[in-house]
Amino acid sequence: MFKALGDPVRLRLFSLVASHEGGEACVCDISDVGVSQPTVSHHLKKLKEAGLLTSERRGTWVYYQVAPNVLASMGQLLTTVD
């Protein structure tokens, strides 16, 4: 999970989706992160493969959401003390 977020572009995209109004973001709303659109698609695919995002196609656009329980799992991992 954290390895997938180790890339600055992926972290930015994940943050944009997580903070977007309504809990989901259209790829058209989050594609301005300083890289080309194919690169954005590549990074979103990697976040999806890591289980961090889910997606749904609506017409020509794809909408992304943070996968259920991801934020809770991250918080739990970061607060666990051995």
N, C-alpha and C. Protein backbone atom coordinates (compact mmCIF):
# COMPACT_ATOMS: atom_id res chain seq x y z
N MET A 1 0.82 -1.19 0.00
CA MET A 1 0.00 0.00 0.00
C MET A 1 0.87 1.26 0.00
N PHE A 2 1.82 1.31 0.92
CA PHE A 2 2.66 2.49 1.01
C PHE A 2 3.67 2.56 -0.15
N LYS A 3 4.05 1.40 -0.69
CA LYS A 3 4.95 1.40 -1.84
C LYS A 3 4.27 2.08 -3.03
N ALA A 4 2.99 1.80 -3.22
CA ALA A 4 2.25 2.43 -4.32
C ALA A 4 2.17 3.94 -4.13
N LEU A 5 2.13 4.40 -2.89
CA LEU A 5 2.04 5.84 -2.61
C LEU A 5 3.41 6.50 -2.54
N GLY A 6 4.47 5.71 -2.73
CA GLY A 6 5.83 6.25 -2.67
C GLY A 6 6.17 7.16 -3.83
N ASP A 7 5.43 7.07 -4.91
CA ASP A 7 5.64 7.93 -6.06
C ASP A 7 4.88 9.24 -5.84
N PRO A 8 5.52 10.39 -6.00
CA PRO A 8 4.86 11.68 -5.74
C PRO A 8 3.60 11.91 -6.57
N VAL A 9 3.58 11.46 -7.82
CA VAL A 9 2.40 11.65 -8.66
C VAL A 9 1.25 10.80 -8.13
N ARG A 10 1.54 9.56 -7.76
CA ARG A 10 0.49 8.69 -7.21
C ARG A 10 -0.05 9.24 -5.90
N LEU A 11 0.82 9.73 -5.07
CA LEU A 11 0.38 10.31 -3.80
C LEU A 11 -0.53 11.50 -4.05
N ARG A 12 -0.16 12.34 -4.99
CA ARG A 12 -0.99 13.51 -5.33
C ARG A 12 -2.34 13.08 -5.87
N LEU A 13 -2.37 12.10 -6.77
CA LEU A 13 -3.63 11.62 -7.33
C LEU A 13 -4.51 11.01 -6.24
N PHE A 14 -3.91 10.20 -5.38
CA PHE A 14 -4.67 9.59 -4.29
C PHE A 14 -5.27 10.67 -3.39
N SER A 15 -4.48 11.66 -3.07
CA SER A 15 -4.94 12.77 -2.23
C SER A 15 -6.08 13.53 -2.89
N LEU A 16 -5.98 13.76 -4.19
CA LEU A 16 -7.04 14.46 -4.91
C LEU A 16 -8.34 13.68 -4.89
N VAL A 17 -8.26 12.38 -5.09
CA VAL A 17 -9.47 11.55 -5.06
C VAL A 17 -10.05 11.53 -3.65
N ALA A 18 -9.19 11.31 -2.65
CA ALA A 18 -9.66 11.20 -1.27
C ALA A 18 -10.31 12.49 -0.77
N SER A 19 -9.84 13.63 -1.23
CA SER A 19 -10.36 14.90 -0.74
C SER A 19 -11.42 15.51 -1.65
N HIS A 20 -11.75 14.86 -2.74
CA HIS A 20 -12.71 15.41 -3.69
C HIS A 20 -14.11 15.37 -3.11
N GLU A 21 -14.88 16.40 -3.40
CA GLU A 21 -16.25 16.50 -2.91
C GLU A 21 -17.07 15.28 -3.35
N GLY A 22 -17.79 14.70 -2.42
CA GLY A 22 -18.61 13.54 -2.73
C GLY A 22 -17.87 12.22 -2.64
N GLY A 23 -16.57 12.27 -2.37
CA GLY A 23 -15.81 11.04 -2.19
C GLY A 23 -15.40 10.34 -3.46
N GLU A 24 -15.66 10.96 -4.60
CA GLU A 24 -15.21 10.39 -5.86
C GLU A 24 -14.81 11.51 -6.80
N ALA A 25 -13.93 11.17 -7.74
CA ALA A 25 -13.45 12.19 -8.67
C ALA A 25 -13.39 11.62 -10.07
N CYS A 26 -13.84 12.40 -11.01
CA CYS A 26 -13.74 12.04 -12.42
C CYS A 26 -12.28 12.24 -12.84
N VAL A 27 -11.80 11.37 -13.69
CA VAL A 27 -10.42 11.51 -14.15
C VAL A 27 -10.21 12.89 -14.79
N CYS A 28 -11.28 13.45 -15.36
CA CYS A 28 -11.17 14.78 -15.98
C CYS A 28 -10.92 15.88 -14.94
N ASP A 29 -11.28 15.63 -13.69
CA ASP A 29 -11.10 16.62 -12.62
C ASP A 29 -9.73 16.54 -11.94
N ILE A 30 -9.04 15.43 -12.11
CA ILE A 30 -7.79 15.23 -11.36
C ILE A 30 -6.58 15.04 -12.26
N SER A 31 -6.72 15.30 -13.55
CA SER A 31 -5.63 14.99 -14.48
C SER A 31 -4.56 16.08 -14.56
N ASP A 32 -4.76 17.20 -13.89
CA ASP A 32 -3.79 18.29 -13.95
C ASP A 32 -2.79 18.20 -12.78
N VAL A 33 -1.87 17.24 -12.89
CA VAL A 33 -0.87 17.05 -11.84
C VAL A 33 0.56 17.19 -12.38
N GLY A 34 0.67 17.81 -13.54
CA GLY A 34 1.99 18.10 -14.08
C GLY A 34 2.60 17.02 -14.95
N VAL A 35 1.81 16.00 -15.29
CA VAL A 35 2.29 14.95 -16.18
C VAL A 35 1.23 14.74 -17.27
N SER A 36 1.59 14.01 -18.30
CA SER A 36 0.67 13.79 -19.42
C SER A 36 -0.49 12.89 -19.01
N GLN A 37 -1.58 12.95 -19.77
CA GLN A 37 -2.76 12.15 -19.47
C GLN A 37 -2.46 10.65 -19.48
N PRO A 38 -1.67 10.12 -20.43
CA PRO A 38 -1.35 8.70 -20.37
C PRO A 38 -0.60 8.32 -19.08
N THR A 39 0.24 9.22 -18.59
CA THR A 39 0.97 8.96 -17.35
C THR A 39 0.01 8.97 -16.16
N VAL A 40 -0.97 9.88 -16.17
CA VAL A 40 -1.99 9.90 -15.13
C VAL A 40 -2.74 8.57 -15.12
N SER A 41 -3.14 8.11 -16.29
CA SER A 41 -3.87 6.83 -16.39
C SER A 41 -3.02 5.68 -15.87
N HIS A 42 -1.74 5.68 -16.18
CA HIS A 42 -0.83 4.64 -15.70
C HIS A 42 -0.79 4.63 -14.17
N HIS A 43 -0.64 5.80 -13.56
CA HIS A 43 -0.56 5.88 -12.11
C HIS A 43 -1.88 5.51 -11.44
N LEU A 44 -3.00 5.91 -12.03
CA LEU A 44 -4.30 5.53 -11.47
C LEU A 44 -4.47 4.01 -11.53
N LYS A 45 -4.00 3.40 -12.61
CA LYS A 45 -4.07 1.95 -12.74
C LYS A 45 -3.25 1.28 -11.64
N LYS A 46 -2.07 1.80 -11.36
CA LYS A 46 -1.21 1.24 -10.31
C LYS A 46 -1.88 1.37 -8.94
N LEU A 47 -2.53 2.50 -8.67
CA LEU A 47 -3.23 2.69 -7.41
C LEU A 47 -4.41 1.71 -7.29
N LYS A 48 -5.06 1.46 -8.40
CA LYS A 48 -6.16 0.51 -8.42
C LYS A 48 -5.65 -0.92 -8.19
N GLU A 49 -4.55 -1.28 -8.83
CA GLU A 49 -3.95 -2.61 -8.66
C GLU A 49 -3.49 -2.83 -7.22
N ALA A 50 -3.08 -1.77 -6.54
CA ALA A 50 -2.64 -1.87 -5.15
C ALA A 50 -3.82 -1.94 -4.18
N GLY A 51 -5.03 -1.82 -4.71
CA GLY A 51 -6.22 -1.89 -3.87
C GLY A 51 -6.57 -0.60 -3.18
N LEU A 52 -5.95 0.50 -3.60
CA LEU A 52 -6.20 1.79 -2.95
C LEU A 52 -7.40 2.53 -3.55
N LEU A 53 -7.66 2.30 -4.82
CA LEU A 53 -8.77 2.97 -5.50
C LEU A 53 -9.68 1.95 -6.16
N THR A 54 -10.93 2.33 -6.32
CA THR A 54 -11.86 1.59 -7.16
C THR A 54 -12.30 2.55 -8.26
N SER A 55 -12.87 2.02 -9.32
CA SER A 55 -13.30 2.90 -10.41
C SER A 55 -14.60 2.41 -11.02
N GLU A 56 -15.26 3.34 -11.67
CA GLU A 56 -16.51 3.03 -12.37
C GLU A 56 -16.56 3.88 -13.63
N ARG A 57 -16.81 3.23 -14.76
CA ARG A 57 -16.92 3.96 -16.02
C ARG A 57 -18.36 4.44 -16.18
N ARG A 58 -18.50 5.73 -16.50
CA ARG A 58 -19.79 6.33 -16.78
C ARG A 58 -19.67 7.07 -18.09
N GLY A 59 -20.18 6.47 -19.13
CA GLY A 59 -20.04 7.05 -20.46
C GLY A 59 -18.57 7.05 -20.87
N THR A 60 -18.05 8.21 -21.20
CA THR A 60 -16.65 8.29 -21.63
C THR A 60 -15.69 8.55 -20.48
N TRP A 61 -16.21 8.83 -19.28
CA TRP A 61 -15.36 9.18 -18.15
C TRP A 61 -15.27 8.04 -17.14
N VAL A 62 -14.16 8.01 -16.43
CA VAL A 62 -13.98 7.04 -15.35
C VAL A 62 -13.94 7.83 -14.04
N TYR A 63 -14.71 7.37 -13.07
CA TYR A 63 -14.76 7.99 -11.76
C TYR A 63 -14.03 7.09 -10.76
N TYR A 64 -13.19 7.70 -9.95
CA TYR A 64 -12.39 6.96 -8.97
C TYR A 64 -12.84 7.29 -7.57
N GLN A 65 -12.80 6.27 -6.70
CA GLN A 65 -13.10 6.42 -5.28
C GLN A 65 -12.00 5.72 -4.50
N VAL A 66 -11.75 6.20 -3.28
CA VAL A 66 -10.84 5.49 -2.40
C VAL A 66 -11.55 4.20 -2.00
N ALA A 67 -10.84 3.09 -2.08
CA ALA A 67 -11.43 1.80 -1.75
C ALA A 67 -11.90 1.80 -0.30
N PRO A 68 -13.02 1.13 -0.03
CA PRO A 68 -13.55 1.09 1.34
C PRO A 68 -12.49 0.60 2.33
N ASN A 69 -12.45 1.21 3.46
CA ASN A 69 -11.57 0.85 4.59
C ASN A 69 -10.09 1.16 4.37
N VAL A 70 -9.70 1.73 3.24
CA VAL A 70 -8.28 2.02 3.01
C VAL A 70 -7.76 3.05 3.99
N LEU A 71 -8.47 4.15 4.16
CA LEU A 71 -8.00 5.20 5.06
C LEU A 71 -7.93 4.70 6.51
N ALA A 72 -8.92 3.91 6.91
CA ALA A 72 -8.90 3.34 8.27
C ALA A 72 -7.72 2.39 8.44
N SER A 73 -7.46 1.58 7.42
CA SER A 73 -6.33 0.64 7.48
C SER A 73 -5.01 1.38 7.57
N MET A 74 -4.87 2.44 6.79
CA MET A 74 -3.64 3.22 6.84
C MET A 74 -3.44 3.83 8.22
N GLY A 75 -4.50 4.41 8.75
CA GLY A 75 -4.39 5.01 10.08
C GLY A 75 -4.03 3.99 11.14
N GLN A 76 -4.61 2.81 11.04
CA GLN A 76 -4.33 1.76 11.99
C GLN A 76 -2.87 1.31 11.90
N LEU A 77 -2.35 1.18 10.68
CA LEU A 77 -0.96 0.79 10.50
C LEU A 77 0.00 1.83 11.05
N LEU A 78 -0.36 3.09 10.87
CA LEU A 78 0.52 4.17 11.33
C LEU A 78 0.49 4.38 12.82
N THR A 79 -0.57 3.94 13.49
CA THR A 79 -0.65 4.14 14.94
C THR A 79 -0.29 2.88 15.74
N THR A 80 -0.05 1.77 15.04
CA THR A 80 0.32 0.54 15.73
C THR A 80 1.74 0.64 16.24
N VAL A 81 1.91 0.37 17.51
CA VAL A 81 3.24 0.41 18.14
C VAL A 81 3.59 -1.00 18.60
N ASP A 82 4.78 -1.45 18.22
CA ASP A 82 5.21 -2.78 18.65
C ASP A 82 5.96 -2.70 19.94
